[in-house]
Structures are given as structure tokens and as C-alpha cells.
Amino acid sequence: MSRTVEQQIAEAQNKLSRLKTKQRTKDTRRKIVVGAAMLAEMRDNPAAAQLLLDTLNKRITRDVDKRDLAPVIADLEALTDGHQN
């Protein structure tokens, strides 16, 4: 039995949705890996930690994001103590 045009459209839309989800998942994973690598570098490089701290303070503007990143910012501040630009 052949599928109707509506069924074919629905199947194509479902496939597109799955592909978009897969793409977002890969993008999120890349961001996590890059972020983890950068945070590891910050532990060894106070100047880089200061740059990241300055960037976060400049670019993160939403209160909810600031609250979520507070532990990271505190860690960076501890790493950069005495290494201000």
C-alpha cells in the first residue's frame, strides 16, 4: 500500500526534526568540550584566566546566567588573584 502525500510530508518533517535535534546535540557537545579545555587551561595560565574572567564580566548580562556562572567566576577570581591586567 502506498503512502499518501500527507504521510510522506509527515515522515519528512519527522526526519528533519530528528536531524535538527542531532545537530543541536553535536553543537552542545562541541561547546562543552571547548569549555572544558578552556577551563583546564585557565588553571595553568593566570593571564588567560584573567582574559576569560574579563570576557565573562563583560558579555554575561542576564542575572540568571550570572547566578549559574557564579562558581566558575569565583574560581577564576581565585586563579587570577594578583594578576590583574
N, C-alpha and C. Protein backbone atom coordinates (compact mmCIF):
# COMPACT_ATOMS: atom_id res chain seq x y z
N MET A 1 0.85 -1.17 0.00
CA MET A 1 0.00 0.00 0.00
C MET A 1 0.89 1.24 0.00
N SER A 2 0.59 2.18 -0.85
CA SER A 2 1.41 3.38 -0.93
C SER A 2 0.98 4.41 0.10
N ARG A 3 1.94 5.23 0.47
CA ARG A 3 1.66 6.26 1.46
C ARG A 3 1.06 7.47 0.77
N THR A 4 0.23 8.17 1.53
CA THR A 4 -0.37 9.39 0.98
C THR A 4 0.68 10.50 1.01
N VAL A 5 0.39 11.55 0.28
CA VAL A 5 1.29 12.71 0.27
C VAL A 5 1.42 13.27 1.68
N GLU A 6 0.32 13.31 2.41
CA GLU A 6 0.35 13.82 3.79
C GLU A 6 1.26 12.97 4.67
N GLN A 7 1.21 11.66 4.50
CA GLN A 7 2.07 10.77 5.27
C GLN A 7 3.54 10.99 4.91
N GLN A 8 3.81 11.16 3.63
CA GLN A 8 5.18 11.41 3.19
C GLN A 8 5.70 12.73 3.76
N ILE A 9 4.84 13.74 3.78
CA ILE A 9 5.23 15.03 4.35
C ILE A 9 5.50 14.88 5.83
N ALA A 10 4.63 14.18 6.54
CA ALA A 10 4.81 13.97 7.98
C ALA A 10 6.11 13.23 8.27
N GLU A 11 6.41 12.21 7.48
CA GLU A 11 7.65 11.46 7.66
C GLU A 11 8.87 12.35 7.40
N ALA A 12 8.80 13.18 6.36
CA ALA A 12 9.91 14.09 6.06
C ALA A 12 10.09 15.11 7.18
N GLN A 13 8.99 15.62 7.72
CA GLN A 13 9.07 16.57 8.83
C GLN A 13 9.67 15.91 10.07
N ASN A 14 9.29 14.68 10.34
CA ASN A 14 9.85 13.94 11.47
C ASN A 14 11.35 13.73 11.30
N LYS A 15 11.75 13.37 10.08
CA LYS A 15 13.18 13.16 9.82
C LYS A 15 13.94 14.47 9.99
N LEU A 16 13.39 15.57 9.48
CA LEU A 16 14.02 16.87 9.64
C LEU A 16 14.16 17.23 11.11
N SER A 17 13.14 16.97 11.88
CA SER A 17 13.17 17.26 13.31
C SER A 17 14.27 16.45 14.00
N ARG A 18 14.39 15.17 13.65
CA ARG A 18 15.44 14.33 14.24
C ARG A 18 16.83 14.84 13.85
N LEU A 19 16.99 15.25 12.60
CA LEU A 19 18.29 15.77 12.15
C LEU A 19 18.64 17.07 12.86
N LYS A 20 17.66 17.94 13.07
CA LYS A 20 17.91 19.19 13.78
C LYS A 20 18.30 18.92 15.22
N THR A 21 17.64 17.96 15.85
CA THR A 21 17.98 17.59 17.23
C THR A 21 19.40 17.04 17.29
N LYS A 22 19.75 16.20 16.34
CA LYS A 22 21.10 15.64 16.29
C LYS A 22 22.14 16.74 16.11
N GLN A 23 21.83 17.72 15.27
CA GLN A 23 22.74 18.83 15.04
C GLN A 23 22.92 19.66 16.31
N ARG A 24 21.83 19.94 17.02
CA ARG A 24 21.92 20.71 18.28
C ARG A 24 22.71 19.94 19.32
N THR A 25 22.52 18.63 19.38
CA THR A 25 23.26 17.80 20.33
C THR A 25 24.76 17.86 20.05
N LYS A 26 25.14 17.76 18.79
CA LYS A 26 26.56 17.83 18.43
C LYS A 26 27.12 19.21 18.75
N ASP A 27 26.35 20.26 18.47
CA ASP A 27 26.79 21.62 18.76
C ASP A 27 27.00 21.81 20.25
N THR A 28 26.07 21.32 21.05
CA THR A 28 26.19 21.42 22.51
C THR A 28 27.42 20.67 23.00
N ARG A 29 27.66 19.49 22.47
CA ARG A 29 28.83 18.70 22.87
C ARG A 29 30.12 19.43 22.54
N ARG A 30 30.19 20.05 21.34
CA ARG A 30 31.38 20.81 20.97
C ARG A 30 31.63 21.94 21.96
N LYS A 31 30.57 22.65 22.34
CA LYS A 31 30.70 23.76 23.28
C LYS A 31 31.19 23.27 24.64
N ILE A 32 30.70 22.13 25.07
CA ILE A 32 31.13 21.57 26.36
C ILE A 32 32.60 21.18 26.32
N VAL A 33 33.02 20.55 25.25
CA VAL A 33 34.42 20.12 25.13
C VAL A 33 35.34 21.34 25.08
N VAL A 34 34.98 22.35 24.28
CA VAL A 34 35.80 23.57 24.20
C VAL A 34 35.84 24.25 25.57
N GLY A 35 34.69 24.36 26.22
CA GLY A 35 34.65 24.99 27.54
C GLY A 35 35.50 24.26 28.55
N ALA A 36 35.46 22.95 28.55
CA ALA A 36 36.27 22.16 29.48
C ALA A 36 37.76 22.36 29.21
N ALA A 37 38.13 22.40 27.95
CA ALA A 37 39.53 22.62 27.60
C ALA A 37 39.99 24.00 28.05
N MET A 38 39.14 24.99 27.84
CA MET A 38 39.49 26.35 28.25
C MET A 38 39.62 26.46 29.77
N LEU A 39 38.70 25.86 30.49
CA LEU A 39 38.78 25.91 31.96
C LEU A 39 40.03 25.19 32.46
N ALA A 40 40.41 24.11 31.82
CA ALA A 40 41.64 23.41 32.20
C ALA A 40 42.85 24.31 31.96
N GLU A 41 42.85 25.02 30.85
CA GLU A 41 43.96 25.94 30.54
C GLU A 41 44.02 27.07 31.57
N MET A 42 42.88 27.53 32.02
CA MET A 42 42.83 28.63 32.98
C MET A 42 43.54 28.28 34.29
N ARG A 43 43.51 27.01 34.66
CA ARG A 43 44.15 26.58 35.90
C ARG A 43 45.67 26.73 35.84
N ASP A 44 46.22 26.66 34.62
CA ASP A 44 47.67 26.74 34.44
C ASP A 44 48.15 28.11 33.97
N ASN A 45 47.24 28.98 33.58
CA ASN A 45 47.62 30.22 32.93
C ASN A 45 46.81 31.38 33.51
N PRO A 46 47.33 32.07 34.53
CA PRO A 46 46.59 33.16 35.16
C PRO A 46 46.21 34.29 34.19
N ALA A 47 47.06 34.58 33.21
CA ALA A 47 46.73 35.63 32.25
C ALA A 47 45.52 35.24 31.40
N ALA A 48 45.47 33.98 30.99
CA ALA A 48 44.32 33.50 30.23
C ALA A 48 43.07 33.48 31.11
N ALA A 49 43.25 33.12 32.37
CA ALA A 49 42.12 33.12 33.30
C ALA A 49 41.58 34.53 33.46
N GLN A 50 42.47 35.52 33.53
CA GLN A 50 42.04 36.92 33.65
C GLN A 50 41.28 37.35 32.41
N LEU A 51 41.76 36.94 31.25
CA LEU A 51 41.07 37.29 30.00
C LEU A 51 39.66 36.70 29.99
N LEU A 52 39.54 35.44 30.38
CA LEU A 52 38.22 34.82 30.42
C LEU A 52 37.33 35.51 31.46
N LEU A 53 37.88 35.81 32.60
CA LEU A 53 37.11 36.50 33.64
C LEU A 53 36.61 37.85 33.14
N ASP A 54 37.49 38.62 32.50
CA ASP A 54 37.09 39.91 31.95
C ASP A 54 36.00 39.74 30.89
N THR A 55 36.16 38.73 30.04
CA THR A 55 35.17 38.48 28.99
C THR A 55 33.82 38.10 29.59
N LEU A 56 33.82 37.23 30.57
CA LEU A 56 32.56 36.83 31.20
C LEU A 56 31.88 38.03 31.87
N ASN A 57 32.67 38.84 32.57
CA ASN A 57 32.10 40.01 33.23
C ASN A 57 31.53 41.01 32.23
N LYS A 58 32.13 41.07 31.05
CA LYS A 58 31.66 42.00 30.02
C LYS A 58 30.46 41.45 29.25
N ARG A 59 30.48 40.17 28.92
CA ARG A 59 29.49 39.59 28.00
C ARG A 59 28.28 38.95 28.67
N ILE A 60 28.43 38.49 29.89
CA ILE A 60 27.31 37.83 30.56
C ILE A 60 26.49 38.91 31.26
N THR A 61 25.28 39.14 30.76
CA THR A 61 24.47 40.25 31.26
C THR A 61 23.19 39.80 31.95
N ARG A 62 22.70 38.62 31.63
CA ARG A 62 21.46 38.15 32.25
C ARG A 62 21.73 37.66 33.67
N ASP A 63 20.87 38.08 34.59
CA ASP A 63 21.04 37.71 36.00
C ASP A 63 21.07 36.20 36.19
N VAL A 64 20.22 35.49 35.49
CA VAL A 64 20.17 34.03 35.64
C VAL A 64 21.50 33.40 35.20
N ASP A 65 22.10 33.93 34.15
CA ASP A 65 23.39 33.42 33.69
C ASP A 65 24.49 33.75 34.69
N LYS A 66 24.44 34.95 35.25
CA LYS A 66 25.43 35.34 36.26
C LYS A 66 25.35 34.43 37.47
N ARG A 67 24.11 34.12 37.90
CA ARG A 67 23.95 33.21 39.05
C ARG A 67 24.49 31.83 38.73
N ASP A 68 24.19 31.33 37.54
CA ASP A 68 24.65 29.99 37.16
C ASP A 68 26.17 29.92 37.04
N LEU A 69 26.78 31.01 36.61
CA LEU A 69 28.23 31.03 36.42
C LEU A 69 29.00 31.51 37.64
N ALA A 70 28.31 31.86 38.70
CA ALA A 70 28.98 32.39 39.90
C ALA A 70 30.11 31.48 40.40
N PRO A 71 29.93 30.16 40.46
CA PRO A 71 31.05 29.32 40.93
C PRO A 71 32.26 29.36 39.99
N VAL A 72 32.01 29.42 38.70
CA VAL A 72 33.11 29.50 37.73
C VAL A 72 33.84 30.83 37.88
N ILE A 73 33.07 31.91 38.01
CA ILE A 73 33.67 33.22 38.17
C ILE A 73 34.48 33.29 39.46
N ALA A 74 33.96 32.71 40.53
CA ALA A 74 34.71 32.68 41.80
C ALA A 74 36.02 31.92 41.64
N ASP A 75 35.97 30.79 40.94
CA ASP A 75 37.21 30.02 40.71
C ASP A 75 38.21 30.84 39.89
N LEU A 76 37.73 31.52 38.86
CA LEU A 76 38.62 32.34 38.03
C LEU A 76 39.22 33.49 38.84
N GLU A 77 38.40 34.10 39.69
CA GLU A 77 38.91 35.18 40.53
C GLU A 77 40.02 34.67 41.46
N ALA A 78 39.84 33.47 41.99
CA ALA A 78 40.88 32.89 42.86
C ALA A 78 42.16 32.62 42.06
N LEU A 79 42.00 32.18 40.83
CA LEU A 79 43.17 31.89 39.99
C LEU A 79 43.90 33.15 39.55
N THR A 80 43.18 34.26 39.46
CA THR A 80 43.79 35.48 38.94
C THR A 80 44.17 36.46 40.02
N ASP A 81 44.03 36.08 41.27
CA ASP A 81 44.36 36.97 42.38
C ASP A 81 45.78 37.52 42.20
N GLY A 82 45.86 38.84 42.05
CA GLY A 82 47.16 39.47 41.87
C GLY A 82 47.66 39.49 40.44
N HIS A 83 46.86 39.03 39.49
CA HIS A 83 47.27 39.02 38.10
C HIS A 83 46.38 39.91 37.24
N GLN A 84 46.00 41.06 37.76
CA GLN A 84 45.16 41.98 37.01
C GLN A 84 45.93 42.56 35.85
N ASN A 85 45.20 42.88 34.76
CA ASN A 85 45.83 43.50 33.58
C ASN A 85 46.20 44.93 33.86
